[in-house]
């Protein structure tokens, strides 16, 4: 039997783990993975409400969110590789490339 409360609790938990990873960690790769966890938490919440209200519109939003996540990963990893080649580190505290 479908229980939307459990799905939403899992979604909140995943989003909190992702937010902690973005805020507390300094490794850019872990930050990117944390953003992906947050996007997947939003997808889970969308699909929970889609099933709860029998509305297929949320599936379109999930597909768009997956496309945004794929583009974010491609651009983020490209930037990560460029930063690593330039700074020899993926520590976000060492990034001052945009400072004057």
PDB file of N, CA and C in Angstrom:
ATOM      1  N   UNK A   1       0.833  -1.185   0.000  1.00  0.00           N
ATOM      2  CA  UNK A   1       0.000   0.000   0.000  1.00  0.00           C
ATOM      3  C   UNK A   1       0.879   1.250   0.000  1.00  0.00           C
ATOM      4  N   UNK A   2       0.459   2.229  -0.768  1.00  0.00           N
ATOM      5  CA  UNK A   2       1.227   3.463  -0.935  1.00  0.00           C
ATOM      6  C   UNK A   2       1.033   4.373   0.277  1.00  0.00           C
ATOM      7  N   UNK A   3       2.152   4.787   0.861  1.00  0.00           N
ATOM      8  CA  UNK A   3       2.106   5.700   1.996  1.00  0.00           C
ATOM      9  C   UNK A   3       2.904   6.956   1.631  1.00  0.00           C
ATOM     10  N   UNK A   4       2.217   8.057   1.326  1.00  0.00           N
ATOM     11  CA  UNK A   4       2.931   9.259   0.895  1.00  0.00           C
ATOM     12  C   UNK A   4       3.767   9.883   2.010  1.00  0.00           C
ATOM     13  N   UNK A   5       3.399   9.650   3.245  1.00  0.00           N
ATOM     14  CA  UNK A   5       4.163  10.228   4.352  1.00  0.00           C
ATOM     15  C   UNK A   5       5.587   9.685   4.369  1.00  0.00           C
ATOM     16  N   UNK A   6       5.729   8.385   4.172  1.00  0.00           N
ATOM     17  CA  UNK A   6       7.069   7.800   4.163  1.00  0.00           C
ATOM     18  C   UNK A   6       7.905   8.327   2.995  1.00  0.00           C
ATOM     19  N   UNK A   7       7.285   8.490   1.838  1.00  0.00           N
ATOM     20  CA  UNK A   7       8.019   9.013   0.674  1.00  0.00           C
ATOM     21  C   UNK A   7       8.461  10.447   0.907  1.00  0.00           C
ATOM     22  N   UNK A   8       7.586  11.254   1.501  1.00  0.00           N
ATOM     23  CA  UNK A   8       7.950  12.650   1.756  1.00  0.00           C
ATOM     24  C   UNK A   8       9.004  12.763   2.853  1.00  0.00           C
ATOM     25  N   UNK A   9       8.947  11.903   3.847  1.00  0.00           N
ATOM     26  CA  UNK A   9       9.997  11.900   4.880  1.00  0.00           C
ATOM     27  C   UNK A   9      11.337  11.529   4.259  1.00  0.00           C
ATOM     28  N   UNK A  10      11.333  10.531   3.380  1.00  0.00           N
ATOM     29  CA  UNK A  10      12.565  10.155   2.678  1.00  0.00           C
ATOM     30  C   UNK A  10      13.073  11.307   1.802  1.00  0.00           C
ATOM     31  N   UNK A  11      12.146  11.997   1.143  1.00  0.00           N
ATOM     32  CA  UNK A  11      12.537  13.132   0.315  1.00  0.00           C
ATOM     33  C   UNK A  11      13.156  14.242   1.153  1.00  0.00           C
ATOM     34  N   UNK A  12      12.563  14.544   2.293  1.00  0.00           N
ATOM     35  CA  UNK A  12      13.112  15.573   3.190  1.00  0.00           C
ATOM     36  C   UNK A  12      14.477  15.154   3.713  1.00  0.00           C
ATOM     37  N   UNK A  13      14.608  13.889   4.060  1.00  0.00           N
ATOM     38  CA  UNK A  13      15.881  13.384   4.564  1.00  0.00           C
ATOM     39  C   UNK A  13      16.974  13.473   3.495  1.00  0.00           C
ATOM     40  N   UNK A  14      16.649  13.085   2.271  1.00  0.00           N
ATOM     41  CA  UNK A  14      17.622  13.185   1.176  1.00  0.00           C
ATOM     42  C   UNK A  14      17.997  14.639   0.907  1.00  0.00           C
ATOM     43  N   UNK A  15      17.017  15.528   0.936  1.00  0.00           N
ATOM     44  CA  UNK A  15      17.312  16.932   0.701  1.00  0.00           C
ATOM     45  C   UNK A  15      18.193  17.494   1.804  1.00  0.00           C
ATOM     46  N   UNK A  16      17.945  17.094   3.047  1.00  0.00           N
ATOM     47  CA  UNK A  16      18.768  17.575   4.159  1.00  0.00           C
ATOM     48  C   UNK A  16      20.202  17.056   4.046  1.00  0.00           C
ATOM     49  N   UNK A  17      20.365  15.807   3.640  1.00  0.00           N
ATOM     50  CA  UNK A  17      21.709  15.256   3.444  1.00  0.00           C
ATOM     51  C   UNK A  17      22.432  16.012   2.334  1.00  0.00           C
ATOM     52  N   UNK A  18      21.727  16.301   1.257  1.00  0.00           N
ATOM     53  CA  UNK A  18      22.326  17.064   0.166  1.00  0.00           C
ATOM     54  C   UNK A  18      22.690  18.480   0.581  1.00  0.00           C
ATOM     55  N   UNK A  19      21.816  19.124   1.338  1.00  0.00           N
ATOM     56  CA  UNK A  19      22.109  20.489   1.793  1.00  0.00           C
ATOM     57  C   UNK A  19      23.310  20.495   2.735  1.00  0.00           C
ATOM     58  N   UNK A  20      23.410  19.497   3.585  1.00  0.00           N
ATOM     59  CA  UNK A  20      24.578  19.393   4.464  1.00  0.00           C
ATOM     60  C   UNK A  20      25.856  19.214   3.643  1.00  0.00           C
ATOM     61  N   UNK A  21      25.790  18.398   2.617  1.00  0.00           N
ATOM     62  CA  UNK A  21      26.961  18.174   1.776  1.00  0.00           C
ATOM     63  C   UNK A  21      27.405  19.430   1.055  1.00  0.00           C
ATOM     64  N   UNK A  22      26.453  20.250   0.621  1.00  0.00           N
ATOM     65  CA  UNK A  22      26.816  21.484  -0.076  1.00  0.00           C
ATOM     66  C   UNK A  22      27.389  22.502   0.898  1.00  0.00           C
ATOM     67  N   UNK A  23      26.798  22.593   2.084  1.00  0.00           N
ATOM     68  CA  UNK A  23      27.217  23.623   3.043  1.00  0.00           C
ATOM     69  C   UNK A  23      28.502  23.247   3.770  1.00  0.00           C
ATOM     70  N   UNK A  24      28.634  22.008   4.191  1.00  0.00           N
ATOM     71  CA  UNK A  24      29.720  21.634   5.097  1.00  0.00           C
ATOM     72  C   UNK A  24      30.978  21.119   4.404  1.00  0.00           C
ATOM     73  N   UNK A  25      30.848  20.552   3.237  1.00  0.00           N
ATOM     74  CA  UNK A  25      32.017  19.944   2.596  1.00  0.00           C
ATOM     75  C   UNK A  25      32.759  20.960   1.740  1.00  0.00           C
ATOM     76  N   UNK A  26      34.045  20.741   1.577  1.00  0.00           N
ATOM     77  CA  UNK A  26      34.874  21.648   0.790  1.00  0.00           C
ATOM     78  C   UNK A  26      35.263  21.073  -0.556  1.00  0.00           C
ATOM     79  N   UNK A  27      35.108  19.790  -0.733  1.00  0.00           N
ATOM     80  CA  UNK A  27      35.453  19.134  -1.990  1.00  0.00           C
ATOM     81  C   UNK A  27      34.363  19.441  -3.026  1.00  0.00           C
ATOM     82  N   UNK A  28      34.768  19.952  -4.173  1.00  0.00           N
ATOM     83  CA  UNK A  28      33.794  20.359  -5.192  1.00  0.00           C
ATOM     84  C   UNK A  28      33.030  19.159  -5.735  1.00  0.00           C
ATOM     85  N   UNK A  29      33.688  18.025  -5.866  1.00  0.00           N
ATOM     86  CA  UNK A  29      33.023  16.832  -6.376  1.00  0.00           C
ATOM     87  C   UNK A  29      31.913  16.384  -5.427  1.00  0.00           C
ATOM     88  N   UNK A  30      32.164  16.424  -4.144  1.00  0.00           N
ATOM     89  CA  UNK A  30      31.140  16.055  -3.163  1.00  0.00           C
ATOM     90  C   UNK A  30      30.005  17.076  -3.181  1.00  0.00           C
ATOM     91  N   UNK A  31      30.343  18.334  -3.420  1.00  0.00           N
ATOM     92  CA  UNK A  31      29.300  19.356  -3.521  1.00  0.00           C
ATOM     93  C   UNK A  31      28.392  19.087  -4.729  1.00  0.00           C
ATOM     94  N   UNK A  32      28.985  18.689  -5.849  1.00  0.00           N
ATOM     95  CA  UNK A  32      28.186  18.367  -7.033  1.00  0.00           C
ATOM     96  C   UNK A  32      27.285  17.154  -6.785  1.00  0.00           C
ATOM     97  N   UNK A  33      27.819  16.146  -6.128  1.00  0.00           N
ATOM     98  CA  UNK A  33      27.007  14.967  -5.807  1.00  0.00           C
ATOM     99  C   UNK A  33      25.885  15.324  -4.835  1.00  0.00           C
ATOM    100  N   UNK A  34      26.145  16.256  -3.934  1.00  0.00           N
ATOM    101  CA  UNK A  34      25.116  16.682  -2.989  1.00  0.00           C
ATOM    102  C   UNK A  34      23.992  17.432  -3.699  1.00  0.00           C
ATOM    103  N   UNK A  35      24.346  18.229  -4.693  1.00  0.00           N
ATOM    104  CA  UNK A  35      23.309  18.905  -5.484  1.00  0.00           C
ATOM    105  C   UNK A  35      22.463  17.878  -6.225  1.00  0.00           C
ATOM    106  N   UNK A  36      23.095  16.831  -6.723  1.00  0.00           N
ATOM    107  CA  UNK A  36      22.345  15.764  -7.393  1.00  0.00           C
ATOM    108  C   UNK A  36      21.386  15.070  -6.420  1.00  0.00           C
ATOM    109  N   UNK A  37      21.825  14.849  -5.203  1.00  0.00           N
ATOM    110  CA  UNK A  37      20.947  14.237  -4.197  1.00  0.00           C
ATOM    111  C   UNK A  37      19.756  15.143  -3.928  1.00  0.00           C
ATOM    112  N   UNK A  38      20.001  16.452  -3.867  1.00  0.00           N
ATOM    113  CA  UNK A  38      18.906  17.393  -3.641  1.00  0.00           C
ATOM    114  C   UNK A  38      17.915  17.398  -4.804  1.00  0.00           C
ATOM    115  N   UNK A  39      18.416  17.317  -6.030  1.00  0.00           N
ATOM    116  CA  UNK A  39      17.526  17.265  -7.186  1.00  0.00           C
ATOM    117  C   UNK A  39      16.712  15.971  -7.202  1.00  0.00           C
ATOM    118  N   UNK A  40      17.325  14.868  -6.806  1.00  0.00           N
ATOM    119  CA  UNK A  40      16.595  13.600  -6.736  1.00  0.00           C
ATOM    120  C   UNK A  40      15.557  13.616  -5.624  1.00  0.00           C
ATOM    121  N   UNK A  41      15.827  14.329  -4.534  1.00  0.00           N
ATOM    122  CA  UNK A  41      14.835  14.474  -3.477  1.00  0.00           C
ATOM    123  C   UNK A  41      13.621  15.247  -3.991  1.00  0.00           C
ATOM    124  N   UNK A  42      13.870  16.281  -4.774  1.00  0.00           N
ATOM    125  CA  UNK A  42      12.757  17.027  -5.366  1.00  0.00           C
ATOM    126  C   UNK A  42      11.967  16.148  -6.332  1.00  0.00           C
ATOM    127  N   UNK A  43      12.669  15.321  -7.108  1.00  0.00           N
ATOM    128  CA  UNK A  43      11.980  14.392  -8.019  1.00  0.00           C
ATOM    129  C   UNK A  43      11.099  13.421  -7.246  1.00  0.00           C
ATOM    130  N   UNK A  44      11.592  12.915  -6.145  1.00  0.00           N
ATOM    131  CA  UNK A  44      10.804  11.983  -5.331  1.00  0.00           C
ATOM    132  C   UNK A  44       9.555  12.664  -4.786  1.00  0.00           C
ATOM    133  N   UNK A  45       9.687  13.903  -4.347  1.00  0.00           N
ATOM    134  CA  UNK A  45       8.512  14.632  -3.848  1.00  0.00           C
ATOM    135  C   UNK A  45       7.507  14.875  -4.974  1.00  0.00           C
ATOM    136  N   UNK A  46       8.001  15.256  -6.164  1.00  0.00           N
ATOM    137  CA  UNK A  46       7.104  15.443  -7.305  1.00  0.00           C
ATOM    138  C   UNK A  46       6.333  14.162  -7.610  1.00  0.00           C
ATOM    139  N   UNK A  47       7.036  13.047  -7.656  1.00  0.00           N
ATOM    140  CA  UNK A  47       6.372  11.787  -8.001  1.00  0.00           C
ATOM    141  C   UNK A  47       5.434  11.312  -6.906  1.00  0.00           C
ATOM    142  N   UNK A  48       5.749  11.633  -5.663  1.00  0.00           N
ATOM    143  CA  UNK A  48       4.844  11.285  -4.566  1.00  0.00           C
ATOM    144  C   UNK A  48       3.522  12.020  -4.714  1.00  0.00           C
ATOM    145  N   UNK A  49       3.598  13.320  -4.998  1.00  0.00           N
ATOM    146  CA  UNK A  49       2.369  14.085  -5.165  1.00  0.00           C
ATOM    147  C   UNK A  49       1.642  13.698  -6.449  1.00  0.00           C
ATOM    148  N   UNK A  50       2.385  13.305  -7.475  1.00  0.00           N
ATOM    149  CA  UNK A  50       1.745  12.854  -8.709  1.00  0.00           C
ATOM    150  C   UNK A  50       0.928  11.597  -8.463  1.00  0.00           C
ATOM    151  N   UNK A  51       1.474  10.703  -7.683  1.00  0.00           N
ATOM    152  CA  UNK A  51       0.731   9.475  -7.398  1.00  0.00           C
ATOM    153  C   UNK A  51      -0.413   9.731  -6.425  1.00  0.00           C
ATOM    154  N   UNK A  52      -0.205  10.636  -5.497  1.00  0.00           N
ATOM    155  CA  UNK A  52      -1.234  10.936  -4.501  1.00  0.00           C
ATOM    156  C   UNK A  52      -2.467  11.560  -5.148  1.00  0.00           C
ATOM    157  N   UNK A  53      -2.247  12.470  -6.102  1.00  0.00           N
ATOM    158  CA  UNK A  53      -3.361  13.179  -6.726  1.00  0.00           C
ATOM    159  C   UNK A  53      -3.687  12.679  -8.132  1.00  0.00           C
ATOM    160  N   UNK A  54      -3.056  11.601  -8.577  1.00  0.00           N
ATOM    161  CA  UNK A  54      -3.283  11.038  -9.914  1.00  0.00           C
ATOM    162  C   UNK A  54      -3.126  12.094 -11.008  1.00  0.00           C
ATOM    163  N   UNK A  55      -2.059  12.859 -10.921  1.00  0.00           N
ATOM    164  CA  UNK A  55      -1.801  13.933 -11.875  1.00  0.00           C
ATOM    165  C   UNK A  55      -0.490  13.637 -12.607  1.00  0.00           C
ATOM    166  N   UNK A  56      -0.561  13.377 -13.911  1.00  0.00           N
ATOM    167  CA  UNK A  56       0.663  13.043 -14.654  1.00  0.00           C
ATOM    168  C   UNK A  56       1.540  14.247 -14.992  1.00  0.00           C
ATOM    169  N   UNK A  57       1.113  15.445 -14.643  1.00  0.00           N
ATOM    170  CA  UNK A  57       1.900  16.638 -14.956  1.00  0.00           C
ATOM    171  C   UNK A  57       3.253  16.619 -14.263  1.00  0.00           C
ATOM    172  N   UNK A  58       3.316  16.070 -13.076  1.00  0.00           N
ATOM    173  CA  UNK A  58       4.565  16.040 -12.315  1.00  0.00           C
ATOM    174  C   UNK A  58       5.636  15.222 -13.028  1.00  0.00           C
ATOM    175  N   UNK A  59       5.222  14.253 -13.823  1.00  0.00           N
ATOM    176  CA  UNK A  59       6.197  13.451 -14.556  1.00  0.00           C
ATOM    177  C   UNK A  59       6.963  14.308 -15.562  1.00  0.00           C
ATOM    178  N   UNK A  60       6.296  15.293 -16.129  1.00  0.00           N
ATOM    179  CA  UNK A  60       6.963  16.213 -17.054  1.00  0.00           C
ATOM    180  C   UNK A  60       8.010  17.025 -16.297  1.00  0.00           C
ATOM    181  N   UNK A  61       7.652  17.494 -15.100  1.00  0.00           N
ATOM    182  CA  UNK A  61       8.605  18.249 -14.298  1.00  0.00           C
ATOM    183  C   UNK A  61       9.802  17.388 -13.896  1.00  0.00           C
ATOM    184  N   UNK A  62       9.561  16.133 -13.608  1.00  0.00           N
ATOM    185  CA  UNK A  62      10.663  15.235 -13.247  1.00  0.00           C
ATOM    186  C   UNK A  62      11.602  15.029 -14.432  1.00  0.00           C
ATOM    187  N   UNK A  63      11.051  14.856 -15.624  1.00  0.00           N
ATOM    188  CA  UNK A  63      11.902  14.703 -16.805  1.00  0.00           C
ATOM    189  C   UNK A  63      12.707  15.970 -17.076  1.00  0.00           C
ATOM    190  N   UNK A  64      12.085  17.129 -16.894  1.00  0.00           N
ATOM    191  CA  UNK A  64      12.818  18.383 -17.071  1.00  0.00           C
ATOM    192  C   UNK A  64      13.904  18.528 -16.013  1.00  0.00           C
ATOM    193  N   UNK A  65      13.598  18.116 -14.793  1.00  0.00           N
ATOM    194  CA  UNK A  65      14.574  18.178 -13.703  1.00  0.00           C
ATOM    195  C   UNK A  65      15.747  17.242 -13.993  1.00  0.00           C
ATOM    196  N   UNK A  66      15.473  16.080 -14.556  1.00  0.00           N
ATOM    197  CA  UNK A  66      16.557  15.160 -14.916  1.00  0.00           C
ATOM    198  C   UNK A  66      17.434  15.742 -16.022  1.00  0.00           C
ATOM    199  N   UNK A  67      16.823  16.444 -16.958  1.00  0.00           N
ATOM    200  CA  UNK A  67      17.604  17.077 -18.024  1.00  0.00           C
ATOM    201  C   UNK A  67      18.490  18.185 -17.457  1.00  0.00           C
ATOM    202  N   UNK A  68      17.949  18.971 -16.538  1.00  0.00           N
ATOM    203  CA  UNK A  68      18.743  20.017 -15.892  1.00  0.00           C
ATOM    204  C   UNK A  68      19.879  19.397 -15.092  1.00  0.00           C
ATOM    205  N   UNK A  69      19.603  18.295 -14.411  1.00  0.00           N
ATOM    206  CA  UNK A  69      20.635  17.621 -13.620  1.00  0.00           C
ATOM    207  C   UNK A  69      21.747  17.083 -14.520  1.00  0.00           C
ATOM    208  N   UNK A  70      21.383  16.544 -15.669  1.00  0.00           N
ATOM    209  CA  UNK A  70      22.406  16.030 -16.588  1.00  0.00           C
ATOM    210  C   UNK A  70      23.266  17.164 -17.125  1.00  0.00           C
ATOM    211  N   UNK A  71      22.650  18.288 -17.465  1.00  0.00           N
ATOM    212  CA  UNK A  71      23.421  19.433 -17.945  1.00  0.00           C
ATOM    213  C   UNK A  71      24.304  19.993 -16.841  1.00  0.00           C
ATOM    214  N   UNK A  72      23.785  20.020 -15.628  1.00  0.00           N
ATOM    215  CA  UNK A  72      24.563  20.517 -14.486  1.00  0.00           C
ATOM    216  C   UNK A  72      25.781  19.641 -14.236  1.00  0.00           C
ATOM    217  N   UNK A  73      25.621  18.348 -14.369  1.00  0.00           N
ATOM    218  CA  UNK A  73      26.756  17.437 -14.172  1.00  0.00           C
ATOM    219  C   UNK A  73      27.801  17.643 -15.256  1.00  0.00           C
ATOM    220  N   UNK A  74      27.363  17.784 -16.490  1.00  0.00           N
ATOM    221  CA  UNK A  74      28.319  17.963 -17.591  1.00  0.00           C
ATOM    222  C   UNK A  74      29.116  19.252 -17.424  1.00  0.00           C
ATOM    223  N   UNK A  75      28.430  20.342 -17.138  1.00  0.00           N
ATOM    224  CA  UNK A  75      29.117  21.625 -16.970  1.00  0.00           C
ATOM    225  C   UNK A  75      29.955  21.625 -15.695  1.00  0.00           C
ATOM    226  N   UNK A  76      29.404  21.072 -14.621  1.00  0.00           N
ATOM    227  CA  UNK A  76      30.133  21.037 -13.352  1.00  0.00           C
ATOM    228  C   UNK A  76      31.405  20.213 -13.424  1.00  0.00           C
ATOM    229  N   UNK A  77      31.352  19.066 -14.063  1.00  0.00           N
ATOM    230  CA  UNK A  77      32.556  18.250 -14.181  1.00  0.00           C
ATOM    231  C   UNK A  77      33.586  18.885 -15.108  1.00  0.00           C
ATOM    232  N   UNK A  78      33.122  19.573 -16.147  1.00  0.00           N
ATOM    233  CA  UNK A  78      34.062  20.281 -17.024  1.00  0.00           C
ATOM    234  C   UNK A  78      34.774  21.389 -16.252  1.00  0.00           C
ATOM    235  N   UNK A  79      34.025  22.142 -15.469  1.00  0.00           N
ATOM    236  CA  UNK A  79      34.644  23.187 -14.640  1.00  0.00           C
ATOM    237  C   UNK A  79      35.573  22.584 -13.598  1.00  0.00           C
ATOM    238  N   UNK A  80      35.183  21.464 -13.029  1.00  0.00           N
ATOM    239  CA  UNK A  80      36.006  20.795 -12.026  1.00  0.00           C
ATOM    240  C   UNK A  80      37.339  20.353 -12.627  1.00  0.00           C
ATOM    241  N   UNK A  81      37.306  19.814 -13.821  1.00  0.00           N
ATOM    242  CA  UNK A  81      38.544  19.390 -14.477  1.00  0.00           C
ATOM    243  C   UNK A  81      39.441  20.589 -14.766  1.00  0.00           C
ATOM    244  N   UNK A  82      38.835  21.684 -15.226  1.00  0.00           N
ATOM    245  CA  UNK A  82      39.628  22.896 -15.500  1.00  0.00           C
ATOM    246  C   UNK A  82      40.249  23.447 -14.220  1.00  0.00           C
ATOM    247  N   UNK A  83      39.489  23.463 -13.158  1.00  0.00           N
ATOM    248  CA  UNK A  83      40.013  23.967 -11.877  1.00  0.00           C
ATOM    249  C   UNK A  83      41.120  23.052 -11.372  1.00  0.00           C
ATOM    250  N   UNK A  84      40.935  21.748 -11.499  1.00  0.00           N
ATOM    251  CA  UNK A  84      41.958  20.822 -11.025  1.00  0.00           C
ATOM    252  C   UNK A  84      43.246  20.966 -11.836  1.00  0.00           C
ATOM    253  N   UNK A  85      43.129  21.166 -13.142  1.00  0.00           N
ATOM    254  CA  UNK A  85      44.328  21.344 -13.961  1.00  0.00           C
ATOM    255  C   UNK A  85      45.061  22.637 -13.616  1.00  0.00           C
ATOM    256  N   UNK A  86      44.319  23.648 -13.235  1.00  0.00           N
ATOM    257  CA  UNK A  86      44.932  24.937 -12.943  1.00  0.00           C
ATOM    258  C   UNK A  86      45.473  25.004 -11.512  1.00  0.00           C
ATOM    259  N   UNK A  87      44.689  24.530 -10.545  1.00  0.00           N
ATOM    260  CA  UNK A  87      45.051  24.662  -9.126  1.00  0.00           C
ATOM    261  C   UNK A  87      45.635  23.396  -8.506  1.00  0.00           C
ATOM    262  N   UNK A  88      45.513  22.256  -9.184  1.00  0.00           N
ATOM    263  CA  UNK A  88      45.963  20.948  -8.671  1.00  0.00           C
ATOM    264  C   UNK A  88      45.256  20.577  -7.370  1.00  0.00           C
ATOM    265  N   UNK A  89      44.026  21.052  -7.211  1.00  0.00           N
ATOM    266  CA  UNK A  89      43.237  20.749  -6.026  1.00  0.00           C
ATOM    267  C   UNK A  89      41.758  20.935  -6.365  1.00  0.00           C
ATOM    268  N   UNK A  90      40.900  20.211  -5.666  1.00  0.00           N
ATOM    269  CA  UNK A  90      39.460  20.387  -5.826  1.00  0.00           C
ATOM    270  C   UNK A  90      38.837  20.961  -4.563  1.00  0.00           C
ATOM    271  N   UNK A  91      39.644  21.610  -3.751  1.00  0.00           N
ATOM    272  CA  UNK A  91      39.176  22.238  -2.526  1.00  0.00           C
ATOM    273  C   UNK A  91      38.541  23.584  -2.869  1.00  0.00           C
ATOM    274  N   UNK A  92      37.317  23.791  -2.440  1.00  0.00           N
ATOM    275  CA  UNK A  92      36.608  25.014  -2.815  1.00  0.00           C
ATOM    276  C   UNK A  92      37.156  26.250  -2.109  1.00  0.00           C
ATOM    277  N   UNK A  93      37.889  26.085  -1.022  1.00  0.00           N
ATOM    278  CA  UNK A  93      38.446  27.255  -0.339  1.00  0.00           C
ATOM    279  C   UNK A  93      39.641  27.835  -1.082  1.00  0.00           C
ATOM    280  N   UNK A  94      40.238  27.058  -1.957  1.00  0.00           N
ATOM    281  CA  UNK A  94      41.403  27.526  -2.707  1.00  0.00           C
ATOM    282  C   UNK A  94      41.013  28.203  -4.027  1.00  0.00           C
ATOM    283  N   UNK A  95      39.728  28.327  -4.283  1.00  0.00           N
ATOM    284  CA  UNK A  95      39.280  28.921  -5.532  1.00  0.00           C
ATOM    285  C   UNK A  95      39.144  30.432  -5.354  1.00  0.00           C
ATOM    286  N   UNK A  96      40.008  31.150  -5.976  1.00  0.00           N
ATOM    287  CA  UNK A  96      39.904  32.605  -6.009  1.00  0.00           C
ATOM    288  C   UNK A  96      40.176  33.092  -7.428  1.00  0.00           C
ATOM    289  N   UNK A  97      39.757  32.298  -8.395  1.00  0.00           N
ATOM    290  CA  UNK A  97      40.024  32.629  -9.800  1.00  0.00           C
ATOM    291  C   UNK A  97      39.291  33.885 -10.246  1.00  0.00           C
ATOM    292  N   UNK A  98      38.134  34.179  -9.647  1.00  0.00           N
ATOM    293  CA  UNK A  98      37.334  35.313 -10.088  1.00  0.00           C
ATOM    294  C   UNK A  98      37.588  36.571  -9.289  1.00  0.00           C
ATOM    295  N   UNK A  99      38.523  36.544  -8.377  1.00  0.00           N
ATOM    296  CA  UNK A  99      38.851  37.744  -7.607  1.00  0.00           C
ATOM    297  C   UNK A  99      39.675  38.695  -8.444  1.00  0.00           C
ATOM    298  N   UNK A 100      39.549  39.974  -8.174  1.00  0.00           N
ATOM    299  CA  UNK A 100      40.286  40.997  -8.928  1.00  0.00           C
ATOM    300  C   UNK A 100      41.691  41.049  -8.509  1.00  0.00           C
TER     301      UNK A 100
END
